[in-house]
Amino acid sequence: MTDIIPLYSAFLGSRLLASGPLPDVARAAADAQGEGSPILIFDDATGKETDLDLRGGPEAAAARYAPPDEARGRGRPKLGVIAREVTLLPRHWEWLAAQRGGASHALRRLIDAARQADGGVTTARQRQERCYRVLTALAGDLPSYEEATRALFAGDRAAFEGQTAAWPPDIQAYAARLAWPNEAL
């Protein structure tokens, strides 16, 4: 099993500096400091801005965000399981306890089934929201911003591309990649 590496993107004004793992983006952002425009860094999964400590130059910034070296020990690989509290009525706990594999397994099966039945509606909404966050930060003052966001939430890629045609190419491409990640540009 391979771990999923979170991806980030850094912009200097309207120019894309770097996209990729956080250490690489931190290195590029630290290298570009002092070029005039503010540097904005986004988490590609959520569209949220991320503040990085870029002190000490490019190599120090990259090292600060490098993943820790984890020696692989014996036993099961790290699965990314997160423990959280769930509050249910007694009848729900009784039903879960009677299920094959126990409560946790039954909850995972139920969630997976609900995600499949969703038909991608939740995923599409998440893509729209992450793109909107980035558009607000990078393109809020650009022409046709409001029309582009309307097209985004309508799921109309052709109208979105038409409204963003006059935008800087890096912003255009990044927004399209966030909104429609599995479609060719």
N, C-alpha and C. Protein backbone atom coordinates (compact mmCIF):
# COMPACT_ATOMS: atom_id res chain seq x y z
N MET A 1 0.84 -1.18 0.00
CA MET A 1 0.00 0.00 0.00
C MET A 1 0.89 1.24 0.00
N THR A 2 0.58 2.19 -0.86
CA THR A 2 1.36 3.42 -0.90
C THR A 2 0.55 4.54 -0.26
N ASP A 3 1.27 5.43 0.39
CA ASP A 3 0.62 6.57 1.02
C ASP A 3 0.30 7.61 -0.05
N ILE A 4 -0.80 8.30 0.11
CA ILE A 4 -1.17 9.38 -0.80
C ILE A 4 -0.45 10.63 -0.32
N ILE A 5 0.30 11.25 -1.21
CA ILE A 5 1.04 12.45 -0.86
C ILE A 5 0.18 13.66 -1.18
N PRO A 6 -0.14 14.50 -0.20
CA PRO A 6 -0.94 15.69 -0.47
C PRO A 6 -0.20 16.63 -1.42
N LEU A 7 -0.95 17.26 -2.31
CA LEU A 7 -0.37 18.17 -3.28
C LEU A 7 -0.79 19.60 -2.97
N TYR A 8 0.10 20.52 -3.29
CA TYR A 8 -0.11 21.95 -3.04
C TYR A 8 0.31 22.72 -4.29
N SER A 9 -0.17 23.95 -4.39
CA SER A 9 0.22 24.83 -5.49
C SER A 9 0.50 26.22 -4.93
N ALA A 10 1.58 26.83 -5.45
CA ALA A 10 1.98 28.17 -5.00
C ALA A 10 1.89 29.13 -6.18
N PHE A 11 1.31 30.31 -5.92
CA PHE A 11 1.19 31.35 -6.93
C PHE A 11 1.91 32.60 -6.47
N LEU A 12 2.61 33.22 -7.39
CA LEU A 12 3.20 34.55 -7.19
C LEU A 12 2.38 35.46 -8.08
N GLY A 13 1.46 36.20 -7.49
CA GLY A 13 0.52 36.97 -8.29
C GLY A 13 -0.35 36.00 -9.07
N SER A 14 -0.33 36.11 -10.39
CA SER A 14 -1.13 35.21 -11.23
C SER A 14 -0.29 34.10 -11.85
N ARG A 15 0.98 34.00 -11.48
CA ARG A 15 1.89 33.00 -12.05
C ARG A 15 2.03 31.82 -11.11
N LEU A 16 1.84 30.63 -11.65
CA LEU A 16 2.02 29.41 -10.89
C LEU A 16 3.51 29.17 -10.70
N LEU A 17 3.95 29.14 -9.45
CA LEU A 17 5.36 28.89 -9.14
C LEU A 17 5.67 27.40 -9.15
N ALA A 18 4.82 26.63 -8.49
CA ALA A 18 5.06 25.20 -8.35
C ALA A 18 3.80 24.49 -7.93
N SER A 19 3.70 23.23 -8.33
CA SER A 19 2.64 22.34 -7.87
C SER A 19 3.29 21.02 -7.52
N GLY A 20 2.88 20.43 -6.42
CA GLY A 20 3.43 19.14 -6.05
C GLY A 20 3.43 18.95 -4.55
N PRO A 21 4.30 18.05 -4.07
CA PRO A 21 4.39 17.81 -2.62
C PRO A 21 4.82 19.08 -1.90
N LEU A 22 4.41 19.22 -0.65
CA LEU A 22 4.65 20.43 0.13
C LEU A 22 6.12 20.84 0.20
N PRO A 23 7.08 19.93 0.38
CA PRO A 23 8.48 20.39 0.43
C PRO A 23 8.92 21.08 -0.87
N ASP A 24 8.48 20.55 -2.01
CA ASP A 24 8.84 21.16 -3.29
C ASP A 24 8.21 22.53 -3.47
N VAL A 25 6.96 22.65 -3.06
CA VAL A 25 6.26 23.94 -3.16
C VAL A 25 6.86 24.95 -2.19
N ALA A 26 7.20 24.51 -0.99
CA ALA A 26 7.84 25.41 -0.01
C ALA A 26 9.18 25.91 -0.55
N ARG A 27 9.95 25.03 -1.17
CA ARG A 27 11.25 25.42 -1.74
C ARG A 27 11.05 26.50 -2.81
N ALA A 28 10.11 26.29 -3.72
CA ALA A 28 9.86 27.25 -4.79
C ALA A 28 9.35 28.58 -4.24
N ALA A 29 8.47 28.52 -3.24
CA ALA A 29 7.92 29.75 -2.65
C ALA A 29 9.01 30.53 -1.93
N ALA A 30 9.86 29.84 -1.19
CA ALA A 30 10.94 30.52 -0.48
C ALA A 30 11.92 31.14 -1.46
N ASP A 31 12.15 30.47 -2.58
CA ASP A 31 13.06 30.98 -3.60
C ASP A 31 12.50 32.24 -4.27
N ALA A 32 11.17 32.34 -4.36
CA ALA A 32 10.53 33.47 -5.04
C ALA A 32 10.22 34.63 -4.10
N GLN A 33 10.47 34.48 -2.80
CA GLN A 33 10.19 35.56 -1.86
C GLN A 33 10.93 36.82 -2.29
N GLY A 34 10.27 37.95 -2.12
CA GLY A 34 10.89 39.23 -2.43
C GLY A 34 10.74 39.65 -3.88
N GLU A 35 9.97 38.91 -4.67
CA GLU A 35 9.76 39.27 -6.08
C GLU A 35 8.61 40.24 -6.25
N GLY A 36 8.08 40.77 -5.18
CA GLY A 36 7.06 41.82 -5.28
C GLY A 36 5.67 41.38 -4.89
N SER A 37 5.07 40.51 -5.64
CA SER A 37 3.70 40.09 -5.37
C SER A 37 3.66 39.13 -4.18
N PRO A 38 2.52 39.07 -3.50
CA PRO A 38 2.41 38.10 -2.41
C PRO A 38 2.36 36.67 -2.97
N ILE A 39 2.85 35.75 -2.18
CA ILE A 39 2.82 34.34 -2.56
C ILE A 39 1.64 33.69 -1.86
N LEU A 40 0.78 33.05 -2.63
CA LEU A 40 -0.37 32.33 -2.08
C LEU A 40 -0.17 30.85 -2.34
N ILE A 41 -0.37 30.06 -1.30
CA ILE A 41 -0.18 28.61 -1.41
C ILE A 41 -1.51 27.94 -1.07
N PHE A 42 -1.91 27.00 -1.92
CA PHE A 42 -3.19 26.32 -1.77
C PHE A 42 -3.00 24.83 -1.62
N ASP A 43 -3.84 24.24 -0.76
CA ASP A 43 -3.95 22.80 -0.65
C ASP A 43 -4.85 22.36 -1.80
N ASP A 44 -4.32 21.57 -2.73
CA ASP A 44 -5.09 21.17 -3.91
C ASP A 44 -6.32 20.34 -3.56
N ALA A 45 -6.30 19.63 -2.45
CA ALA A 45 -7.44 18.78 -2.07
C ALA A 45 -8.63 19.59 -1.58
N THR A 46 -8.37 20.74 -0.94
CA THR A 46 -9.45 21.52 -0.34
C THR A 46 -9.62 22.91 -0.94
N GLY A 47 -8.59 23.42 -1.61
CA GLY A 47 -8.62 24.79 -2.13
C GLY A 47 -8.33 25.83 -1.07
N LYS A 48 -8.03 25.40 0.14
CA LYS A 48 -7.77 26.35 1.23
C LYS A 48 -6.35 26.88 1.14
N GLU A 49 -6.21 28.18 1.49
CA GLU A 49 -4.88 28.78 1.55
C GLU A 49 -4.12 28.18 2.72
N THR A 50 -2.81 28.03 2.52
CA THR A 50 -1.94 27.46 3.52
C THR A 50 -0.79 28.43 3.78
N ASP A 51 -0.57 28.76 5.03
CA ASP A 51 0.57 29.60 5.39
C ASP A 51 1.76 28.71 5.69
N LEU A 52 2.89 29.05 5.09
CA LEU A 52 4.11 28.29 5.33
C LEU A 52 5.17 29.19 5.93
N ASP A 53 6.02 28.60 6.72
CA ASP A 53 7.18 29.28 7.29
C ASP A 53 8.31 29.15 6.27
N LEU A 54 8.61 30.23 5.57
CA LEU A 54 9.61 30.20 4.51
C LEU A 54 10.96 30.77 4.93
N ARG A 55 11.14 30.98 6.23
CA ARG A 55 12.41 31.54 6.72
C ARG A 55 13.57 30.60 6.45
N GLY A 56 14.74 31.20 6.27
CA GLY A 56 15.96 30.42 6.14
C GLY A 56 16.30 29.99 4.74
N GLY A 57 15.54 30.40 3.78
CA GLY A 57 15.85 30.06 2.40
C GLY A 57 15.15 28.81 1.91
N PRO A 58 15.31 28.51 0.61
CA PRO A 58 14.59 27.39 -0.01
C PRO A 58 14.85 26.03 0.63
N GLU A 59 16.10 25.71 0.92
CA GLU A 59 16.39 24.38 1.47
C GLU A 59 15.85 24.22 2.88
N ALA A 60 15.94 25.27 3.70
CA ALA A 60 15.41 25.21 5.06
C ALA A 60 13.89 25.06 5.03
N ALA A 61 13.23 25.79 4.12
CA ALA A 61 11.77 25.68 4.00
C ALA A 61 11.36 24.29 3.56
N ALA A 62 12.07 23.74 2.58
CA ALA A 62 11.75 22.39 2.10
C ALA A 62 11.94 21.36 3.21
N ALA A 63 13.04 21.49 3.96
CA ALA A 63 13.31 20.55 5.04
C ALA A 63 12.26 20.62 6.14
N ARG A 64 11.75 21.82 6.39
CA ARG A 64 10.75 22.02 7.44
C ARG A 64 9.47 21.23 7.14
N TYR A 65 9.16 21.05 5.86
CA TYR A 65 7.91 20.38 5.47
C TYR A 65 8.13 18.99 4.90
N ALA A 66 9.34 18.48 5.00
CA ALA A 66 9.62 17.12 4.55
C ALA A 66 8.94 16.13 5.49
N PRO A 67 8.43 15.04 4.96
CA PRO A 67 7.79 14.05 5.83
C PRO A 67 8.83 13.41 6.74
N PRO A 68 8.43 13.07 7.95
CA PRO A 68 9.38 12.44 8.87
C PRO A 68 9.77 11.05 8.36
N ASP A 69 10.99 10.67 8.62
CA ASP A 69 11.42 9.31 8.27
C ASP A 69 10.78 8.35 9.24
N GLU A 70 10.01 7.44 8.69
CA GLU A 70 9.35 6.46 9.55
C GLU A 70 9.89 5.08 9.22
N ALA A 71 10.55 4.50 10.19
CA ALA A 71 11.06 3.15 9.99
C ALA A 71 9.87 2.20 10.03
N ARG A 72 9.83 1.30 9.08
CA ARG A 72 8.74 0.33 9.04
C ARG A 72 9.02 -0.77 10.04
N GLY A 73 8.11 -0.94 10.94
CA GLY A 73 8.24 -2.00 11.93
C GLY A 73 7.45 -3.22 11.53
N ARG A 74 7.36 -4.14 12.43
CA ARG A 74 6.59 -5.35 12.19
C ARG A 74 5.10 -5.04 12.32
N GLY A 75 4.30 -5.91 11.79
CA GLY A 75 2.86 -5.77 11.95
C GLY A 75 2.20 -5.15 10.73
N ARG A 76 0.97 -4.71 10.92
CA ARG A 76 0.18 -4.16 9.82
C ARG A 76 0.71 -2.81 9.41
N PRO A 77 0.63 -2.50 8.10
CA PRO A 77 1.05 -1.17 7.66
C PRO A 77 0.07 -0.12 8.18
N LYS A 78 0.54 1.08 8.26
CA LYS A 78 -0.30 2.19 8.72
C LYS A 78 -1.45 2.38 7.72
N LEU A 79 -2.67 2.27 8.20
CA LEU A 79 -3.84 2.34 7.33
C LEU A 79 -4.52 3.70 7.32
N GLY A 80 -4.10 4.58 8.17
CA GLY A 80 -4.74 5.89 8.22
C GLY A 80 -6.05 5.87 8.97
N VAL A 81 -6.23 4.95 9.87
CA VAL A 81 -7.46 4.86 10.66
C VAL A 81 -7.50 6.01 11.65
N ILE A 82 -8.65 6.65 11.75
CA ILE A 82 -8.83 7.76 12.67
C ILE A 82 -9.94 7.39 13.65
N ALA A 83 -9.65 7.46 14.93
CA ALA A 83 -10.65 7.15 15.95
C ALA A 83 -11.40 8.43 16.32
N ARG A 84 -12.72 8.37 16.27
CA ARG A 84 -13.56 9.48 16.68
C ARG A 84 -14.77 8.92 17.42
N GLU A 85 -15.42 9.79 18.16
CA GLU A 85 -16.58 9.37 18.93
C GLU A 85 -17.83 9.40 18.06
N VAL A 86 -18.67 8.39 18.22
CA VAL A 86 -19.96 8.33 17.55
C VAL A 86 -21.01 8.13 18.61
N THR A 87 -22.06 8.92 18.57
CA THR A 87 -23.14 8.81 19.54
C THR A 87 -24.36 8.20 18.85
N LEU A 88 -24.80 7.06 19.36
CA LEU A 88 -25.95 6.36 18.80
C LEU A 88 -26.89 5.94 19.93
N LEU A 89 -28.10 5.63 19.55
CA LEU A 89 -29.07 5.10 20.51
C LEU A 89 -28.74 3.64 20.80
N PRO A 90 -29.20 3.13 21.95
CA PRO A 90 -28.90 1.72 22.31
C PRO A 90 -29.31 0.73 21.22
N ARG A 91 -30.45 0.95 20.58
CA ARG A 91 -30.89 0.00 19.55
C ARG A 91 -29.92 -0.02 18.36
N HIS A 92 -29.29 1.14 18.08
CA HIS A 92 -28.32 1.19 17.00
C HIS A 92 -27.07 0.40 17.37
N TRP A 93 -26.59 0.57 18.61
CA TRP A 93 -25.42 -0.18 19.06
C TRP A 93 -25.70 -1.67 19.04
N GLU A 94 -26.91 -2.08 19.45
CA GLU A 94 -27.27 -3.50 19.45
C GLU A 94 -27.23 -4.06 18.04
N TRP A 95 -27.78 -3.31 17.10
CA TRP A 95 -27.78 -3.76 15.70
C TRP A 95 -26.35 -3.86 15.17
N LEU A 96 -25.53 -2.84 15.45
CA LEU A 96 -24.15 -2.85 14.98
C LEU A 96 -23.37 -4.01 15.57
N ALA A 97 -23.58 -4.28 16.85
CA ALA A 97 -22.85 -5.37 17.51
C ALA A 97 -23.19 -6.73 16.91
N ALA A 98 -24.39 -6.88 16.37
CA ALA A 98 -24.82 -8.14 15.79
C ALA A 98 -24.34 -8.33 14.35
N GLN A 99 -23.73 -7.33 13.77
CA GLN A 99 -23.30 -7.40 12.37
C GLN A 99 -21.98 -8.14 12.22
N ARG A 100 -21.83 -8.75 11.05
CA ARG A 100 -20.59 -9.44 10.69
C ARG A 100 -19.43 -8.45 10.77
N GLY A 101 -18.40 -8.79 11.50
CA GLY A 101 -17.21 -7.94 11.60
C GLY A 101 -17.28 -6.89 12.68
N GLY A 102 -18.39 -6.76 13.36
CA GLY A 102 -18.51 -5.79 14.44
C GLY A 102 -18.96 -4.41 13.98
N ALA A 103 -19.01 -3.49 14.94
CA ALA A 103 -19.57 -2.16 14.70
C ALA A 103 -18.76 -1.36 13.68
N SER A 104 -17.45 -1.33 13.83
CA SER A 104 -16.63 -0.53 12.93
C SER A 104 -16.74 -1.01 11.50
N HIS A 105 -16.68 -2.32 11.32
CA HIS A 105 -16.78 -2.88 9.96
C HIS A 105 -18.16 -2.56 9.36
N ALA A 106 -19.21 -2.72 10.15
CA ALA A 106 -20.56 -2.43 9.65
C ALA A 106 -20.70 -0.97 9.27
N LEU A 107 -20.17 -0.07 10.09
CA LEU A 107 -20.24 1.37 9.76
C LEU A 107 -19.48 1.68 8.47
N ARG A 108 -18.31 1.08 8.29
CA ARG A 108 -17.55 1.31 7.06
C ARG A 108 -18.33 0.82 5.85
N ARG A 109 -18.96 -0.36 5.95
CA ARG A 109 -19.77 -0.88 4.83
C ARG A 109 -20.94 0.04 4.53
N LEU A 110 -21.63 0.52 5.57
CA LEU A 110 -22.77 1.42 5.37
C LEU A 110 -22.34 2.72 4.69
N ILE A 111 -21.21 3.26 5.13
CA ILE A 111 -20.72 4.51 4.55
C ILE A 111 -20.32 4.30 3.09
N ASP A 112 -19.63 3.20 2.81
CA ASP A 112 -19.23 2.92 1.42
C ASP A 112 -20.46 2.77 0.52
N ALA A 113 -21.49 2.10 1.02
CA ALA A 113 -22.73 1.94 0.24
C ALA A 113 -23.40 3.29 0.00
N ALA A 114 -23.43 4.13 1.01
CA ALA A 114 -24.04 5.46 0.86
C ALA A 114 -23.24 6.32 -0.12
N ARG A 115 -21.94 6.20 -0.09
CA ARG A 115 -21.11 6.97 -1.03
C ARG A 115 -21.38 6.53 -2.46
N GLN A 116 -21.55 5.23 -2.69
CA GLN A 116 -21.86 4.74 -4.04
C GLN A 116 -23.25 5.20 -4.48
N ALA A 117 -24.21 5.16 -3.58
CA ALA A 117 -25.57 5.57 -3.91
C ALA A 117 -25.69 7.07 -4.17
N ASP A 118 -24.74 7.82 -3.67
CA ASP A 118 -24.71 9.28 -3.82
C ASP A 118 -24.59 9.71 -5.28
N GLY A 119 -24.04 8.85 -6.11
CA GLY A 119 -23.91 9.17 -7.53
C GLY A 119 -22.89 10.26 -7.83
N GLY A 120 -21.98 10.52 -6.91
CA GLY A 120 -20.95 11.53 -7.16
C GLY A 120 -21.38 12.95 -6.84
N VAL A 121 -22.58 13.14 -6.30
CA VAL A 121 -23.07 14.48 -6.00
C VAL A 121 -22.19 15.17 -4.96
N THR A 122 -21.84 14.46 -3.91
CA THR A 122 -21.00 15.05 -2.86
C THR A 122 -19.62 15.39 -3.39
N THR A 123 -19.05 14.50 -4.18
CA THR A 123 -17.72 14.74 -4.75
C THR A 123 -17.74 15.95 -5.68
N ALA A 124 -18.76 16.07 -6.49
CA ALA A 124 -18.87 17.22 -7.40
C ALA A 124 -18.98 18.52 -6.60
N ARG A 125 -19.75 18.51 -5.55
CA ARG A 125 -19.91 19.70 -4.72
C ARG A 125 -18.58 20.09 -4.04
N GLN A 126 -17.84 19.09 -3.58
CA GLN A 126 -16.53 19.36 -2.97
C GLN A 126 -15.57 19.97 -3.99
N ARG A 127 -15.59 19.47 -5.23
CA ARG A 127 -14.73 20.03 -6.28
C ARG A 127 -15.11 21.48 -6.55
N GLN A 128 -16.40 21.76 -6.62
CA GLN A 128 -16.85 23.13 -6.86
C GLN A 128 -16.41 24.06 -5.74
N GLU A 129 -16.57 23.61 -4.50
CA GLU A 129 -16.21 24.45 -3.35
C GLU A 129 -14.71 24.71 -3.28
N ARG A 130 -13.88 23.70 -3.57
CA ARG A 130 -12.44 23.95 -3.54
C ARG A 130 -12.02 24.90 -4.64
N CYS A 131 -12.63 24.78 -5.82
CA CYS A 131 -12.33 25.70 -6.91
C CYS A 131 -12.79 27.11 -6.56
N TYR A 132 -13.95 27.23 -5.95
CA TYR A 132 -14.48 28.54 -5.55
C TYR A 132 -13.54 29.24 -4.56
N ARG A 133 -13.01 28.49 -3.59
CA ARG A 133 -12.07 29.09 -2.62
C ARG A 133 -10.86 29.69 -3.34
N VAL A 134 -10.33 28.95 -4.29
CA VAL A 134 -9.17 29.43 -5.04
C VAL A 134 -9.54 30.63 -5.91
N LEU A 135 -10.69 30.55 -6.57
CA LEU A 135 -11.12 31.66 -7.42
C LEU A 135 -11.29 32.94 -6.61
N THR A 136 -11.84 32.81 -5.42
CA THR A 136 -12.04 33.98 -4.57
C THR A 136 -10.70 34.65 -4.26
N ALA A 137 -9.69 33.85 -3.98
CA ALA A 137 -8.37 34.39 -3.63
C ALA A 137 -7.60 34.91 -4.84
N LEU A 138 -7.65 34.18 -5.95
CA LEU A 138 -6.81 34.52 -7.10
C LEU A 138 -7.52 35.35 -8.17
N ALA A 139 -8.83 35.18 -8.29
CA ALA A 139 -9.52 35.78 -9.43
C ALA A 139 -10.67 36.69 -9.05
N GLY A 140 -10.82 36.99 -7.77
CA GLY A 140 -11.95 37.80 -7.32
C GLY A 140 -12.06 39.16 -7.98
N ASP A 141 -10.93 39.70 -8.42
CA ASP A 141 -10.94 41.01 -9.08
C ASP A 141 -10.86 40.92 -10.59
N LEU A 142 -10.86 39.72 -11.14
CA LEU A 142 -10.74 39.57 -12.59
C LEU A 142 -12.09 39.72 -13.27
N PRO A 143 -12.08 40.12 -14.55
CA PRO A 143 -13.35 40.26 -15.28
C PRO A 143 -14.09 38.92 -15.36
N SER A 144 -15.38 38.98 -15.31
CA SER A 144 -16.27 37.81 -15.42
C SER A 144 -16.15 36.83 -14.27
N TYR A 145 -15.62 37.28 -13.13
CA TYR A 145 -15.47 36.40 -11.97
C TYR A 145 -16.84 35.85 -11.53
N GLU A 146 -17.83 36.72 -11.40
CA GLU A 146 -19.14 36.26 -10.93
C GLU A 146 -19.78 35.30 -11.93
N GLU A 147 -19.66 35.60 -13.21
CA GLU A 147 -20.23 34.73 -14.23
C GLU A 147 -19.53 33.37 -14.23
N ALA A 148 -18.21 33.39 -14.02
CA ALA A 148 -17.45 32.14 -13.97
C ALA A 148 -17.87 31.29 -12.77
N THR A 149 -18.09 31.93 -11.62
CA THR A 149 -18.51 31.15 -10.45
C THR A 149 -19.92 30.58 -10.65
N ARG A 150 -20.78 31.32 -11.33
CA ARG A 150 -22.11 30.79 -11.63
C ARG A 150 -22.01 29.56 -12.53
N ALA A 151 -21.16 29.64 -13.54
CA ALA A 151 -20.96 28.50 -14.44
C ALA A 151 -20.35 27.32 -13.69
N LEU A 152 -19.43 27.60 -12.77
CA LEU A 152 -18.82 26.55 -11.96
C LEU A 152 -19.88 25.79 -11.18
N PHE A 153 -20.75 26.52 -10.46
CA PHE A 153 -21.75 25.86 -9.64
C PHE A 153 -22.89 25.26 -10.46
N ALA A 154 -23.02 25.68 -11.71
CA ALA A 154 -24.00 25.06 -12.60
C ALA A 154 -23.41 23.80 -13.25
N GLY A 155 -22.10 23.61 -13.08
CA GLY A 155 -21.44 22.46 -13.68
C GLY A 155 -21.26 22.60 -15.18
N ASP A 156 -21.29 23.84 -15.67
CA ASP A 156 -21.20 24.12 -17.11
C ASP A 156 -19.75 24.48 -17.47
N ARG A 157 -19.00 23.46 -17.84
CA ARG A 157 -17.57 23.67 -18.13
C ARG A 157 -17.35 24.60 -19.32
N ALA A 158 -18.14 24.46 -20.36
CA ALA A 158 -17.97 25.31 -21.54
C ALA A 158 -18.18 26.78 -21.18
N ALA A 159 -19.22 27.07 -20.41
CA ALA A 159 -19.46 28.47 -20.00
C ALA A 159 -18.34 28.94 -19.08
N PHE A 160 -17.87 28.09 -18.20
CA PHE A 160 -16.77 28.44 -17.30
C PHE A 160 -15.53 28.82 -18.11
N GLU A 161 -15.19 27.99 -19.07
CA GLU A 161 -14.02 28.27 -19.90
C GLU A 161 -14.20 29.54 -20.71
N GLY A 162 -15.42 29.80 -21.16
CA GLY A 162 -15.68 31.04 -21.89
C GLY A 162 -15.51 32.26 -21.00
N GLN A 163 -15.98 32.18 -19.78
CA GLN A 163 -15.89 33.32 -18.86
C GLN A 163 -14.46 33.55 -18.36
N THR A 164 -13.65 32.51 -18.33
CA THR A 164 -12.27 32.64 -17.83
C THR A 164 -11.25 32.80 -18.95
N ALA A 165 -11.69 32.89 -20.19
CA ALA A 165 -10.77 32.92 -21.34
C ALA A 165 -9.78 34.08 -21.28
N ALA A 166 -10.17 35.21 -20.71
CA ALA A 166 -9.29 36.38 -20.66
C ALA A 166 -8.40 36.39 -19.40
N TRP A 167 -8.54 35.40 -18.55
CA TRP A 167 -7.77 35.35 -17.32
C TRP A 167 -6.34 34.89 -17.60
N PRO A 168 -5.42 35.16 -16.67
CA PRO A 168 -4.05 34.64 -16.83
C PRO A 168 -4.09 33.12 -16.98
N PRO A 169 -3.29 32.58 -17.89
CA PRO A 169 -3.35 31.15 -18.20
C PRO A 169 -3.15 30.22 -17.00
N ASP A 170 -2.26 30.58 -16.08
CA ASP A 170 -2.02 29.69 -14.93
C ASP A 170 -3.24 29.61 -14.02
N ILE A 171 -3.93 30.72 -13.83
CA ILE A 171 -5.14 30.71 -13.00
C ILE A 171 -6.23 29.92 -13.70
N GLN A 172 -6.38 30.15 -14.99
CA GLN A 172 -7.37 29.42 -15.80
C GLN A 172 -7.16 27.91 -15.67
N ALA A 173 -5.94 27.46 -15.92
CA ALA A 173 -5.64 26.03 -15.92
C ALA A 173 -5.81 25.41 -14.53
N TYR A 174 -5.36 26.12 -13.51
CA TYR A 174 -5.46 25.59 -12.15
C TYR A 174 -6.93 25.47 -11.73
N ALA A 175 -7.72 26.48 -12.02
CA ALA A 175 -9.14 26.43 -11.65
C ALA A 175 -9.84 25.28 -12.37
N ALA A 176 -9.56 25.10 -13.65
CA ALA A 176 -10.18 24.00 -14.40
C ALA A 176 -9.74 22.65 -13.84
N ARG A 177 -8.48 22.54 -13.45
CA ARG A 177 -7.97 21.28 -12.90
C ARG A 177 -8.65 20.96 -11.57
N LEU A 178 -8.91 21.97 -10.74
CA LEU A 178 -9.59 21.73 -9.47
C LEU A 178 -11.06 21.38 -9.67
N ALA A 179 -11.71 22.06 -10.61
CA ALA A 179 -13.14 21.85 -10.82
C ALA A 179 -13.44 20.56 -11.58
N TRP A 180 -12.60 20.22 -12.56
CA TRP A 180 -12.82 19.05 -13.39
C TRP A 180 -11.52 18.25 -13.48
N PRO A 181 -11.11 17.61 -12.37
CA PRO A 181 -9.78 16.99 -12.32
C PRO A 181 -9.60 15.77 -13.24
N ASN A 182 -10.65 15.09 -13.57
CA ASN A 182 -10.53 13.87 -14.36
C ASN A 182 -10.84 14.06 -15.83
N GLU A 183 -10.98 15.29 -16.25
CA GLU A 183 -11.29 15.57 -17.65
C GLU A 183 -10.11 16.25 -18.30
N ALA A 184 -9.83 15.90 -19.52
CA ALA A 184 -8.72 16.52 -20.25
C ALA A 184 -9.04 17.98 -20.51
N LEU A 185 -7.98 18.80 -20.45
CA LEU A 185 -8.16 20.24 -20.71
C LEU A 185 -8.27 20.51 -22.18
